[in-house]
């Protein structure tokens, strides 16, 4: 079977950390259900929540806490700031979090490129406590636009120019 998942790891001067391999395997395992190159019509296009639902159990099996719904107790909140007596004063919600491996997972669909959601994901992960790696999964194609390719170009610019310093050790971009 031909694999249709694309991925790029940034910075490109570093090899892909072993800890991130399983993520790629999860998307490859499920590619026939989520392949955006085959579901880019309105009736077939999957939302990010539907893609997350497809890969949810595999990420849980890999040690991630995963958002299972929209209720407060179903969300995953990663600390950003601590306040009085060590309470969490600020946190951001994510699709998945592997606390021990310090990995945050964000799955995006239509807003990934058109609304620059990937930049918000990078900012939020960069200020989270004890997060080293960000995985952003985006559609390869959205309404005919090559989202994965366009975001790859943005990340190439971000890392090649080296004008903005991120606290993250790396970003794995996956195109599903």
Protein backbone atom coordinates (compact mmCIF):
# COMPACT_ATOMS: atom_id res chain seq x y z
CA UNK A 1 0.00 0.00 0.00
CA UNK A 2 1.33 3.43 -0.96
CA UNK A 3 1.65 5.69 2.03
CA UNK A 4 0.08 9.11 1.56
CA UNK A 5 1.20 10.71 4.82
CA UNK A 6 3.78 13.46 4.39
CA UNK A 7 5.92 14.76 7.21
CA UNK A 8 8.73 17.20 7.84
CA UNK A 9 10.69 17.75 11.02
CA UNK A 10 12.03 21.14 12.01
CA UNK A 11 14.74 22.23 12.49
CA UNK A 12 15.95 20.45 9.39
CA UNK A 13 19.47 20.38 10.83
CA UNK A 14 18.31 17.72 13.31
CA UNK A 15 17.22 14.15 12.64
CA UNK A 16 13.72 13.13 13.69
CA UNK A 17 13.83 12.23 17.39
CA UNK A 18 12.97 8.57 17.98
CA UNK A 19 10.20 9.59 20.38
CA UNK A 20 8.21 11.09 17.47
CA UNK A 21 8.32 8.03 15.18
CA UNK A 22 5.21 6.46 16.70
CA UNK A 23 3.17 9.53 15.76
CA UNK A 24 4.02 9.11 12.10
CA UNK A 25 3.16 5.41 12.35
CA UNK A 26 -0.25 6.25 13.83
CA UNK A 27 -1.11 8.56 10.94
CA UNK A 28 0.18 6.07 8.37
CA UNK A 29 -1.86 3.28 9.97
CA UNK A 30 -5.03 5.40 9.65
CA UNK A 31 -4.30 7.13 6.35
CA UNK A 32 -7.01 5.29 4.40
CA UNK A 33 -9.63 6.81 6.77
CA UNK A 34 -8.28 10.38 6.90
CA UNK A 35 -6.49 10.91 3.56
CA UNK A 36 -7.29 14.52 2.60
CA UNK A 37 -6.16 13.94 -0.98
CA UNK A 38 -9.22 11.68 -1.34
CA UNK A 39 -11.75 13.56 0.83
CA UNK A 40 -11.59 17.18 -0.28
CA UNK A 41 -15.24 17.57 -1.25
CA UNK A 42 -17.72 19.15 1.15
CA UNK A 43 -19.53 15.85 1.76
CA UNK A 44 -16.35 13.88 2.47
CA UNK A 45 -14.11 16.49 4.12
CA UNK A 46 -13.31 15.52 7.72
CA UNK A 47 -13.19 18.08 10.50
CA UNK A 48 -10.22 18.08 12.86
CA UNK A 49 -12.46 16.56 15.56
CA UNK A 50 -13.33 13.66 13.27
CA UNK A 51 -9.67 13.07 12.40
CA UNK A 52 -8.82 13.14 16.12
CA UNK A 53 -11.57 10.59 16.78
CA UNK A 54 -10.03 8.24 14.17
CA UNK A 55 -6.54 8.37 15.74
CA UNK A 56 -7.64 8.84 19.37
CA UNK A 57 -7.21 5.27 20.65
CA UNK A 58 -3.82 4.84 18.96
CA UNK A 59 -2.55 7.99 20.70
CA UNK A 60 -3.98 6.85 24.03
CA UNK A 61 -2.21 3.51 23.53
CA UNK A 62 1.01 5.46 22.86
CA UNK A 63 0.74 7.21 26.24
CA UNK A 64 -0.97 10.47 25.25
CA UNK A 65 -3.84 12.11 27.08
CA UNK A 66 -6.32 12.96 24.32
CA UNK A 67 -9.27 15.33 24.12
CA UNK A 68 -12.36 13.14 24.00
CA UNK A 69 -15.05 15.82 23.76
CA UNK A 70 -15.98 19.45 24.27
CA UNK A 71 -16.96 19.28 27.96
CA UNK A 72 -14.49 20.71 30.47
CA UNK A 73 -13.53 17.30 31.88
CA UNK A 74 -12.94 15.93 28.36
CA UNK A 75 -10.42 18.63 27.42
CA UNK A 76 -6.64 18.48 27.85
CA UNK A 77 -5.14 21.59 29.46
CA UNK A 78 -1.38 22.15 29.50
CA UNK A 79 -0.04 24.67 32.05
CA UNK A 80 1.51 27.94 30.95
CA UNK A 81 1.67 29.98 34.17
CA UNK A 82 1.35 29.17 37.85
CA UNK A 83 -0.19 31.48 40.39
CA UNK A 84 -0.84 31.73 44.11
CA UNK A 85 0.06 28.56 46.03
CA UNK A 86 1.02 26.72 42.85
CA UNK A 87 -2.40 26.82 41.22
CA UNK A 88 -2.51 26.87 37.44
CA UNK A 89 -3.14 30.50 36.50
CA UNK A 90 -3.00 30.00 32.71
CA UNK A 91 -3.29 26.91 30.54
CA UNK A 92 -3.99 26.18 26.88
CA UNK A 93 -6.17 23.39 25.55
CA UNK A 94 -4.59 20.87 23.18
CA UNK A 95 -5.74 17.82 21.25
CA UNK A 96 -3.15 15.56 22.85
CA UNK A 97 -0.35 15.66 25.40
CA UNK A 98 2.32 13.15 26.29
CA UNK A 99 3.40 14.60 29.62
CA UNK A 100 6.40 12.30 30.17
CA UNK A 101 7.79 12.78 26.64
CA UNK A 102 6.91 16.51 26.66
CA UNK A 103 4.98 16.33 23.38
CA UNK A 104 1.89 18.34 22.41
CA UNK A 105 -0.34 17.21 19.54
CA UNK A 106 -2.57 19.52 17.52
CA UNK A 107 -4.73 18.24 14.66
CA UNK A 108 -6.01 20.90 12.30
CA UNK A 109 -8.28 20.85 9.28
CA UNK A 110 -9.68 23.82 7.38
CA UNK A 111 -8.25 26.59 9.55
CA UNK A 112 -4.69 25.27 9.57
CA UNK A 113 -3.41 27.48 6.77
CA UNK A 114 -6.28 29.79 5.80
CA UNK A 115 -6.57 31.23 9.32
CA UNK A 116 -2.93 30.60 10.26
CA UNK A 117 -3.98 28.28 13.08
CA UNK A 118 -0.57 26.59 12.83
CA UNK A 119 1.07 29.83 14.02
CA UNK A 120 -1.21 29.97 17.05
CA UNK A 121 -0.34 26.33 17.79
CA UNK A 122 3.37 27.16 17.64
CA UNK A 123 2.98 30.18 19.92
CA UNK A 124 0.93 28.29 22.49
CA UNK A 125 3.25 25.26 22.57
CA UNK A 126 6.25 27.56 22.89
CA UNK A 127 4.97 29.06 26.14
CA UNK A 128 3.68 25.83 27.73
CA UNK A 129 5.54 24.46 30.74
CA UNK A 130 7.69 21.37 30.08
CA UNK A 131 6.86 21.01 26.37
CA UNK A 132 9.75 20.16 24.07
CA UNK A 133 8.01 18.99 20.90
CA UNK A 134 4.97 20.10 18.94
CA UNK A 135 3.25 17.86 16.43
CA UNK A 136 0.91 19.65 14.05
CA UNK A 137 -1.16 17.46 11.75
CA UNK A 138 -2.76 19.30 8.85
CA UNK A 139 -4.62 18.39 5.69
CA UNK A 140 -2.46 18.01 2.61
CA UNK A 141 -5.31 19.48 0.55
CA UNK A 142 -8.07 21.81 1.71
CA UNK A 143 -10.49 23.17 -0.86
CA UNK A 144 -7.85 22.63 -3.54
CA UNK A 145 -5.11 24.47 -1.61
CA UNK A 146 -1.95 22.58 -0.70
CA UNK A 147 -2.02 23.39 3.02
CA UNK A 148 0.77 21.00 4.07
CA UNK A 149 3.12 22.39 1.40
CA UNK A 150 2.32 26.03 2.24
CA UNK A 151 2.86 25.46 5.97
CA UNK A 152 6.12 23.63 5.23
CA UNK A 153 7.30 26.70 3.33
CA UNK A 154 6.41 28.94 6.30
CA UNK A 155 8.27 26.67 8.74
CA UNK A 156 11.29 26.53 6.42
CA UNK A 157 11.39 30.32 6.53
CA UNK A 158 10.96 30.42 10.30
CA UNK A 159 13.83 28.03 10.94
CA UNK A 160 16.20 29.08 8.12
CA UNK A 161 16.10 32.78 8.93
CA UNK A 162 16.58 31.99 12.62
CA UNK A 163 15.19 35.44 13.52
CA UNK A 164 12.63 34.08 15.97
CA UNK A 165 13.94 31.83 18.74
CA UNK A 166 11.57 29.13 19.93
CA UNK A 167 11.87 27.28 23.21
CA UNK A 168 10.71 24.08 21.48
CA UNK A 169 13.31 21.47 20.56
CA UNK A 170 11.37 20.66 17.41
CA UNK A 171 8.18 20.71 15.39
CA UNK A 172 6.88 17.72 13.48
CA UNK A 173 4.50 18.71 10.70
CA UNK A 174 2.34 15.88 9.38
CA UNK A 175 0.27 16.15 6.23
CA UNK A 176 -2.60 13.69 6.23
